[in-house]
C-alpha cells in the first residue's frame, strides 16, 4: 500500500500509540495522535522491556536510546518471603547472553518514544477526549467537545478503557481476578544489582528491580483477596496498608517496604481478547485489543509487537481492508496465548505451606540440574521477533 496520501488518526499517546505513529510516519503516512491528557506523560513506575519488545525498538532505531535510560537485567532471582532466602537464580548473562532484557521507568520510555514521534513530524493533539468512533469508508472520531474528525484509518491504542474498541466489539464487563497490586518506587539505598527479585509468599508476592541509573527500585506487590479495587494505575493508597498486607515479609523485602512513602493500588481484572481487531477503517492494538495481567511483564512488549505488525501488514497489503484482516490473523492467536500465560502465572508465587515446601524444593533442584531449560521455558515469548524479514504479513 502506498502511504503517501493516507491519513491516519491514532487514539492514545501511550507506548503502543506512539510506536505505531512513529512507524507509520517513517513509511510516509500523514499521522495525527489524539491524546486526552494535557501533556504526554505516564503515570506508573517501572516496566520490563523483554527481548521481543527490544527487537521492535531496534527496528525503530531506538534500542541504543533505551539502553541509555534503562538497566540491563542480569538475572531473575526467586526468594522465600520470610527471610529472602534464595530459591532459584536464573542467570541471564550465562544462559541467554544473546538476549537483552531491560528495566526502565515507564516515563522514560514514553519520553523516548514521544521525542522520536515529534522529530518525525507526527502531529500530536492534546486535550482530545474521544467519546465514540464510527466505522466506515472514512471512519469518524467524535470528541467530547462536540468536534469530529475523519481519517482513512483510525487506530485505537487507548488502553483497557478504550473508546475505540466498542466500535468493533460488543461491550463485555471485565471479571475481577481476585488479586490487587500495589506499585511504588523507592531509593536504592541497599545498592541492589540489576536483577529482578521475586519474593514468594502465601497468597502474595513482591517483585523488585532497579530502574533509571540504578538509584531507584521499582516495587510491584500482588495480593490475592476478595475485596476488589478500582482498575486504575492512578488510585492512591496508604503505604501502611501495603506494609500490613506484607507483614510476614522479611530481609530485603521488609527494608524496601519500610521505605515506601507513596503507593498506587489497582485491581487486576481479566478482559477477553477482542474478537475483531480491524474492520471498516478501524484497528486496535495493545491493551485496547488484549488487556493482560502483569504476571509475564508483557503489556508494553505486546503493544510494541502489535504496532510493528500492523504497519508491516499495511505496507504489504493492497488496501487497508486486506491489511486489517492480515493483521488480526498474524497477531490474535499469539496475544491470546500470552494473555492466558499471564493469567495462569501468579499462583506459582502464591503457594502456602505445606505445598510451598516441595514446590520450592523442585525449583531448587531444577535450577541445579537444568538451568538452561529453566531460563528458556518462555522462549516462545521472549525470542519471538516480530520484525524478522521472513515474518511477512499473511497473504489473503
Protein backbone atom coordinates (compact mmCIF):
# COMPACT_ATOMS: atom_id res chain seq x y z
CA UNK A 1 0.00 0.00 0.00
CA UNK A 2 1.18 3.50 -0.76
CA UNK A 3 1.21 5.50 2.47
CA UNK A 4 1.78 8.90 0.88
CA UNK A 5 -1.84 10.05 0.74
CA UNK A 6 -3.15 8.02 3.70
CA UNK A 7 -4.44 9.96 6.70
CA UNK A 8 -4.31 8.06 9.98
CA UNK A 9 -5.57 9.04 13.42
CA UNK A 10 -4.08 7.27 16.43
CA UNK A 11 -6.15 7.47 19.60
CA UNK A 12 -3.88 7.36 22.65
CA UNK A 13 -0.30 8.50 23.24
CA UNK A 14 0.86 5.55 25.29
CA UNK A 15 3.63 3.15 24.33
CA UNK A 16 1.69 1.39 21.56
CA UNK A 17 0.15 4.57 20.17
CA UNK A 18 3.44 6.44 19.97
CA UNK A 19 5.25 3.44 18.47
CA UNK A 20 2.69 2.91 15.72
CA UNK A 21 2.57 6.65 14.95
CA UNK A 22 6.35 6.75 14.53
CA UNK A 23 6.44 3.64 12.35
CA UNK A 24 3.63 4.95 10.14
CA UNK A 25 5.30 8.30 9.72
CA UNK A 26 8.51 6.56 8.70
CA UNK A 27 6.50 5.00 5.86
CA UNK A 28 5.27 8.41 4.74
CA UNK A 29 1.73 8.42 6.17
CA UNK A 30 0.09 11.58 7.47
CA UNK A 31 -0.38 10.77 11.15
CA UNK A 32 -2.23 12.59 13.93
CA UNK A 33 -2.16 11.39 17.54
CA UNK A 34 -5.19 12.27 19.68
CA UNK A 35 -4.40 12.28 23.40
CA UNK A 36 -6.89 13.25 26.10
CA UNK A 37 -4.27 14.40 28.63
CA UNK A 38 -2.87 17.92 28.70
CA UNK A 39 0.65 16.59 28.17
CA UNK A 40 2.31 13.37 27.05
CA UNK A 41 3.28 11.75 30.29
CA UNK A 42 2.77 8.44 32.01
CA UNK A 43 1.64 7.52 35.46
CA UNK A 44 3.12 4.42 36.93
CA UNK A 45 6.62 3.36 37.65
CA UNK A 46 8.83 0.64 36.20
CA UNK A 47 8.29 -1.90 33.48
CA UNK A 48 10.32 -4.61 31.81
CA UNK A 49 11.22 -4.42 28.13
CA UNK A 50 11.92 -8.03 27.19
CA UNK A 51 13.81 -9.16 24.06
CA UNK A 52 10.66 -9.33 21.91
CA UNK A 53 9.99 -5.67 22.70
CA UNK A 54 13.65 -4.73 22.26
CA UNK A 55 13.51 -6.24 18.74
CA UNK A 56 10.83 -3.69 17.77
CA UNK A 57 12.71 -0.77 19.31
CA UNK A 58 15.82 -1.92 17.44
CA UNK A 59 13.89 -1.89 14.15
CA UNK A 60 12.73 1.63 15.02
CA UNK A 61 16.33 2.71 15.60
CA UNK A 62 15.69 3.34 19.30
CA UNK A 63 17.35 0.38 21.04
CA UNK A 64 20.50 2.35 21.88
CA UNK A 65 18.39 5.14 23.40
CA UNK A 66 16.63 2.56 25.55
CA UNK A 67 19.97 1.20 26.78
CA UNK A 68 20.99 4.70 27.91
CA UNK A 69 17.93 5.23 30.11
CA UNK A 70 17.40 1.70 31.45
CA UNK A 71 19.07 -1.03 33.46
CA UNK A 72 20.04 -4.20 31.60
CA UNK A 73 18.72 -7.20 33.54
CA UNK A 74 21.35 -9.73 34.56
CA UNK A 75 19.26 -12.29 36.42
CA UNK A 76 15.89 -13.27 37.83
CA UNK A 77 16.00 -14.45 41.44
CA UNK A 78 13.13 -16.22 43.24
CA UNK A 79 13.23 -15.91 47.03
CA UNK A 80 11.29 -17.14 50.07
CA UNK A 81 9.32 -14.29 51.55
CA UNK A 82 10.17 -14.64 55.23
CA UNK A 83 13.91 -14.01 55.19
CA UNK A 84 14.69 -13.61 51.50
CA UNK A 85 16.40 -16.98 51.17
CA UNK A 86 17.26 -17.72 47.54
CA UNK A 87 15.17 -20.47 45.96
CA UNK A 88 16.20 -20.18 42.31
CA UNK A 89 18.54 -17.97 40.32
CA UNK A 90 18.12 -17.64 36.55
CA UNK A 91 21.37 -16.18 35.22
CA UNK A 92 20.52 -14.35 32.01
CA UNK A 93 24.13 -13.44 31.22
CA UNK A 94 25.20 -17.08 31.35
CA UNK A 95 22.21 -18.84 29.81
CA UNK A 96 20.78 -16.17 27.47
CA UNK A 97 23.78 -13.97 26.59
CA UNK A 98 22.39 -13.08 23.16
CA UNK A 99 19.20 -11.56 24.56
CA UNK A 100 18.61 -8.15 26.10
CA UNK A 101 16.20 -7.57 28.97
CA UNK A 102 15.80 -4.06 30.38
CA UNK A 103 14.26 -2.47 33.45
CA UNK A 104 13.01 1.01 32.58
CA UNK A 105 10.87 3.70 34.14
CA UNK A 106 7.67 3.94 32.14
CA UNK A 107 8.00 7.72 31.90
CA UNK A 108 11.48 7.35 30.37
CA UNK A 109 10.21 5.01 27.65
CA UNK A 110 7.28 7.33 26.93
CA UNK A 111 9.67 10.29 26.68
CA UNK A 112 11.94 8.35 24.32
CA UNK A 113 9.03 7.48 22.01
CA UNK A 114 7.39 10.91 22.23
CA UNK A 115 10.65 12.63 21.28
CA UNK A 116 11.03 10.35 18.24
CA UNK A 117 7.41 10.99 17.23
CA UNK A 118 7.80 14.76 17.37
CA UNK A 119 11.05 14.70 15.41
CA UNK A 120 9.41 12.60 12.71
CA UNK A 121 6.71 15.18 12.03
CA UNK A 122 3.70 13.45 13.55
CA UNK A 123 1.03 15.90 14.66
CA UNK A 124 0.21 15.40 18.36
CA UNK A 125 -3.03 16.98 19.56
CA UNK A 126 -3.54 17.10 23.33
CA UNK A 127 -6.77 17.54 25.31
CA UNK A 128 -8.62 15.47 22.71
CA UNK A 129 -11.04 13.27 24.66
CA UNK A 130 -12.69 10.77 22.34
CA UNK A 131 -16.32 9.89 23.02
CA UNK A 132 -17.13 7.49 20.16
CA UNK A 133 -15.71 6.22 16.90
CA UNK A 134 -17.93 5.40 13.93
CA UNK A 135 -16.55 2.83 11.46
CA UNK A 136 -16.91 3.22 7.70
CA UNK A 137 -15.01 4.01 4.49
CA UNK A 138 -13.91 7.24 6.21
CA UNK A 139 -14.24 6.43 9.92
CA UNK A 140 -15.23 9.33 12.17
CA UNK A 141 -13.81 10.19 15.57
CA UNK A 142 -16.27 12.11 17.75
CA UNK A 143 -14.73 14.16 20.55
CA UNK A 144 -16.30 15.03 23.88
CA UNK A 145 -16.22 18.75 22.99
CA UNK A 146 -18.51 18.11 20.01
CA UNK A 147 -15.82 18.21 17.33
CA UNK A 148 -15.46 15.47 14.75
CA UNK A 149 -12.58 14.37 12.56
CA UNK A 150 -12.22 11.83 9.76
CA UNK A 151 -9.34 9.65 8.61
CA UNK A 152 -8.66 6.77 6.26
CA UNK A 153 -7.71 4.66 9.28
CA UNK A 154 -8.35 5.10 13.00
CA UNK A 155 -6.12 3.13 15.36
CA UNK A 156 -7.32 2.54 18.90
CA UNK A 157 -4.31 2.49 21.21
CA UNK A 158 -6.25 3.88 24.14
CA UNK A 159 -5.83 1.14 26.73
CA UNK A 160 -8.12 -1.02 28.82
CA UNK A 161 -10.89 1.58 28.92
CA UNK A 162 -10.74 2.03 25.15
CA UNK A 163 -13.32 4.24 23.45
CA UNK A 164 -12.41 2.71 20.11
CA UNK A 165 -12.86 -0.97 20.94
CA UNK A 166 -16.71 -0.76 21.23
CA UNK A 167 -16.88 0.31 17.58
CA UNK A 168 -15.80 -3.21 16.61
CA UNK A 169 -16.72 -5.42 19.57
CA UNK A 170 -19.62 -5.97 21.94
CA UNK A 171 -19.02 -4.46 25.35
CA UNK A 172 -18.34 -7.11 27.99
CA UNK A 173 -17.73 -6.36 31.65
CA UNK A 174 -14.30 -7.42 32.91
CA UNK A 175 -14.03 -10.07 35.62
CA UNK A 176 -12.16 -9.37 38.85
CA UNK A 177 -9.21 -11.74 39.04
CA UNK A 178 -9.26 -11.96 42.83
CA UNK A 179 -6.00 -10.04 43.02
CA UNK A 180 -4.87 -6.48 43.59
CA UNK A 181 -1.46 -4.91 43.13
CA UNK A 182 0.44 -2.00 44.62
CA UNK A 183 3.20 -0.19 42.75
CA UNK A 184 5.80 2.18 44.12
CA UNK A 185 9.37 3.37 43.68
CA UNK A 186 11.89 3.82 46.48
CA UNK A 187 15.55 4.89 46.66
CA UNK A 188 18.04 2.08 46.06
CA UNK A 189 19.78 2.57 49.40
CA UNK A 190 20.63 -1.14 49.55
CA UNK A 191 22.63 -0.97 46.31
CA UNK A 192 20.58 -3.75 44.72
CA UNK A 193 22.09 -5.09 41.47
CA UNK A 194 20.20 -5.11 38.12
CA UNK A 195 18.23 -8.25 38.91
CA UNK A 196 14.52 -8.95 39.19
CA UNK A 197 13.87 -10.22 42.71
CA UNK A 198 10.62 -12.14 43.29
CA UNK A 199 9.72 -12.70 46.95
CA UNK A 200 7.17 -15.53 47.09
CA UNK A 201 4.72 -15.67 49.98
CA UNK A 202 1.36 -17.20 50.92
CA UNK A 203 -1.27 -15.62 48.69
CA UNK A 204 1.02 -12.76 47.66
CA UNK A 205 4.34 -11.89 46.08
CA UNK A 206 6.62 -8.89 45.68
CA UNK A 207 8.70 -8.08 42.59
CA UNK A 208 11.56 -5.58 42.77
CA UNK A 209 14.18 -4.31 40.32
CA UNK A 210 16.30 -1.16 39.90
CA UNK A 211 15.44 1.43 37.27
CA UNK A 212 16.93 4.55 35.65
CA UNK A 213 20.59 4.82 36.66
CA UNK A 214 20.12 2.22 39.38
CA UNK A 215 19.34 4.84 42.02
CA UNK A 216 15.67 3.80 42.28
CA UNK A 217 13.94 0.47 42.88
CA UNK A 218 10.58 -0.40 41.38
CA UNK A 219 8.18 -2.39 43.55
CA UNK A 220 5.12 -4.32 42.41
CA UNK A 221 3.29 -6.19 45.16
CA UNK A 222 0.40 -8.50 44.28
CA UNK A 223 -2.07 -9.97 46.77
CA UNK A 224 -4.92 -12.44 46.33
CA UNK A 225 -8.06 -11.15 48.05
CA UNK A 226 -11.82 -10.95 47.65
CA UNK A 227 -12.17 -7.20 48.01
CA UNK A 228 -11.52 -5.55 44.68
CA UNK A 229 -10.02 -2.17 43.96
CA UNK A 230 -10.55 0.28 41.11
CA UNK A 231 -8.91 -0.70 37.82
CA UNK A 232 -6.71 2.36 37.62
CA UNK A 233 -2.96 2.96 37.95
CA UNK A 234 -3.58 6.39 39.49
CA UNK A 235 -5.56 5.25 42.55
CA UNK A 236 -3.54 6.17 45.63
CA UNK A 237 -3.39 4.12 48.84
CA UNK A 238 -1.90 4.40 52.31
CA UNK A 239 1.57 2.81 52.36
CA UNK A 240 0.71 1.27 55.75
CA UNK A 241 -1.92 -0.87 54.01
CA UNK A 242 0.81 -2.29 51.79
CA UNK A 243 3.09 -2.94 54.75
CA UNK A 244 0.27 -4.61 56.69
CA UNK A 245 -0.61 -6.87 53.74
CA UNK A 246 3.04 -7.96 53.50
CA UNK A 247 3.74 -8.05 57.25
CA UNK A 248 5.29 -11.51 57.06
CA UNK A 249 7.94 -10.48 54.52
CA UNK A 250 11.43 -10.03 55.93
CA UNK A 251 15.00 -9.38 54.85
CA UNK A 252 15.48 -7.17 51.80
CA UNK A 253 11.74 -7.12 51.13
CA UNK A 254 10.99 -5.65 54.56
CA UNK A 255 13.68 -3.00 54.23
CA UNK A 256 12.26 -1.89 50.88
CA UNK A 257 8.65 -1.88 52.09
CA UNK A 258 9.59 0.21 55.11
CA UNK A 259 10.86 2.99 52.83
CA UNK A 260 7.66 3.33 50.76
CA UNK A 261 6.06 6.75 51.30
CA UNK A 262 3.75 6.89 48.26
CA UNK A 263 1.97 3.98 46.61
CA UNK A 264 -0.69 3.26 43.99
CA UNK A 265 -3.18 0.41 44.25
CA UNK A 266 -5.18 -1.11 41.43
CA UNK A 267 -7.47 -4.07 40.95
CA UNK A 268 -6.44 -6.74 38.46
CA UNK A 269 -9.24 -7.65 36.07
CA UNK A 270 -9.45 -10.19 33.30
CA UNK A 271 -10.70 -8.87 29.97
CA UNK A 272 -11.49 -11.00 26.94
CA UNK A 273 -9.19 -10.68 23.95
CA UNK A 274 -11.08 -8.70 21.29
CA UNK A 275 -12.77 -10.86 18.69
CA UNK A 276 -12.40 -8.20 16.00
CA UNK A 277 -9.09 -6.32 15.75
CA UNK A 278 -9.67 -4.48 12.49
CA UNK A 279 -12.55 -3.67 10.18
CA UNK A 280 -14.18 -0.75 8.36
CA UNK A 281 -11.20 1.55 8.76
CA UNK A 282 -10.60 0.85 12.47
CA UNK A 283 -7.80 -1.13 14.12
CA UNK A 284 -6.97 -1.97 17.73
CA UNK A 285 -3.64 -2.60 19.36
CA UNK A 286 -2.14 -3.11 22.82
CA UNK A 287 -4.47 -3.14 25.82
CA UNK A 288 -7.34 -1.92 23.66
CA UNK A 289 -7.22 -5.32 21.93
CA UNK A 290 -5.86 -7.64 24.61
CA UNK A 291 -5.54 -6.37 28.19
CA UNK A 292 -3.24 -8.67 30.14
CA UNK A 293 -2.41 -9.25 33.77
CA UNK A 294 1.13 -8.14 34.70
CA UNK A 295 2.49 -11.58 35.60
CA UNK A 296 4.53 -12.08 32.42
CA UNK A 297 5.58 -8.40 32.09
CA UNK A 298 4.23 -8.30 28.53
CA UNK A 299 1.82 -5.36 28.34
CA UNK A 300 4.26 -2.87 26.81
CA UNK A 301 6.08 -5.52 24.78
CA UNK A 302 2.92 -6.83 23.15
CA UNK A 303 1.87 -3.27 22.28
CA UNK A 304 5.23 -2.78 20.54
CA UNK A 305 4.78 -6.05 18.65
CA UNK A 306 1.26 -5.03 17.59
CA UNK A 307 2.48 -1.66 16.35
CA UNK A 308 5.17 -3.17 14.16
CA UNK A 309 2.88 -5.92 12.82
CA UNK A 310 0.08 -3.50 11.92
CA UNK A 311 2.38 -1.21 9.94
CA UNK A 312 4.04 -4.20 8.28
CA UNK A 313 0.65 -5.57 7.21
CA UNK A 314 -0.38 -2.17 5.84
CA UNK A 315 2.83 -1.99 3.83
CA UNK A 316 2.35 -5.45 2.34
CA UNK A 317 -1.38 -5.30 1.55
CA UNK A 318 -3.08 -3.73 -1.48
CA UNK A 319 -5.53 -1.79 0.71
CA UNK A 320 -6.50 -1.10 4.31
CA UNK A 321 -9.22 -3.76 4.48
CA UNK A 322 -6.83 -6.52 3.40
CA UNK A 323 -4.19 -5.22 5.81
CA UNK A 324 -6.53 -5.31 8.79
CA UNK A 325 -7.56 -8.89 8.03
CA UNK A 326 -3.91 -9.90 7.77
CA UNK A 327 -3.07 -8.08 11.00
CA UNK A 328 -5.68 -9.95 13.01
CA UNK A 329 -4.59 -13.26 11.50
CA UNK A 330 -0.99 -12.50 12.39
CA UNK A 331 -1.47 -11.28 15.95
CA UNK A 332 -4.61 -12.54 17.68
CA UNK A 333 -3.57 -16.14 18.45
CA UNK A 334 -0.22 -15.08 19.89
CA UNK A 335 -1.79 -12.35 22.02
CA UNK A 336 -4.40 -14.76 23.38
CA UNK A 337 -1.68 -17.26 24.30
CA UNK A 338 0.37 -14.62 26.13
CA UNK A 339 -2.70 -13.34 27.99
CA UNK A 340 -3.51 -16.89 29.08
CA UNK A 341 0.07 -17.47 30.25
CA UNK A 342 -0.01 -14.28 32.32
CA UNK A 343 -3.37 -15.18 33.85
CA UNK A 344 -2.05 -18.56 34.96
CA UNK A 345 1.34 -17.46 36.26
CA UNK A 346 0.65 -15.70 39.57
CA UNK A 347 -0.40 -18.77 41.59
CA UNK A 348 3.13 -20.21 41.27
CA UNK A 349 4.38 -17.43 43.53
CA UNK A 350 1.46 -17.61 46.00
CA UNK A 351 1.71 -21.17 47.33
CA UNK A 352 1.09 -21.73 51.01
CA UNK A 353 2.70 -24.25 53.33
CA UNK A 354 2.85 -27.20 53.13
CA UNK A 355 2.56 -27.03 49.30
CA UNK A 356 5.24 -24.35 49.05
CA UNK A 357 7.90 -26.59 50.63
CA UNK A 358 8.05 -29.29 47.92
CA UNK A 359 7.41 -26.71 45.18
CA UNK A 360 10.40 -24.63 46.24
CA UNK A 361 12.47 -27.79 46.53
CA UNK A 362 11.60 -28.74 42.96
CA UNK A 363 12.59 -25.26 41.78
CA UNK A 364 15.98 -25.54 43.52
CA UNK A 365 16.60 -28.96 42.02
CA UNK A 366 15.58 -27.85 38.52
CA UNK A 367 17.83 -24.81 38.80
CA UNK A 368 20.75 -27.02 39.77
CA UNK A 369 20.20 -29.79 37.22
CA UNK A 370 18.73 -27.95 34.22
CA UNK A 371 19.39 -24.19 34.50
CA UNK A 372 19.33 -23.68 30.73
CA UNK A 373 15.90 -25.26 30.49
CA UNK A 374 14.59 -23.07 33.30
CA UNK A 375 15.81 -19.93 31.54
CA UNK A 376 14.45 -21.00 28.15
CA UNK A 377 10.97 -22.16 29.23
CA UNK A 378 9.39 -18.95 27.92
CA UNK A 379 11.47 -18.62 24.77
CA UNK A 380 8.23 -18.70 22.78
CA UNK A 381 7.53 -15.27 24.27
CA UNK A 382 10.95 -13.67 24.61
CA UNK A 383 12.65 -14.97 21.45
CA UNK A 384 9.72 -14.05 19.25
CA UNK A 385 10.87 -11.39 16.78
CA UNK A 386 8.00 -9.62 15.06
CA UNK A 387 10.46 -7.75 12.83
CA UNK A 388 12.05 -10.78 11.19
CA UNK A 389 12.08 -10.43 7.42
CA UNK A 390 10.63 -13.90 6.94
CA UNK A 391 7.68 -12.99 9.21
CA UNK A 392 5.71 -11.39 6.42
CA UNK A 393 2.07 -10.44 6.54
CA UNK A 394 -0.23 -13.35 5.62
CA UNK A 395 -1.42 -13.30 2.04
CA UNK A 396 -5.19 -13.50 1.87
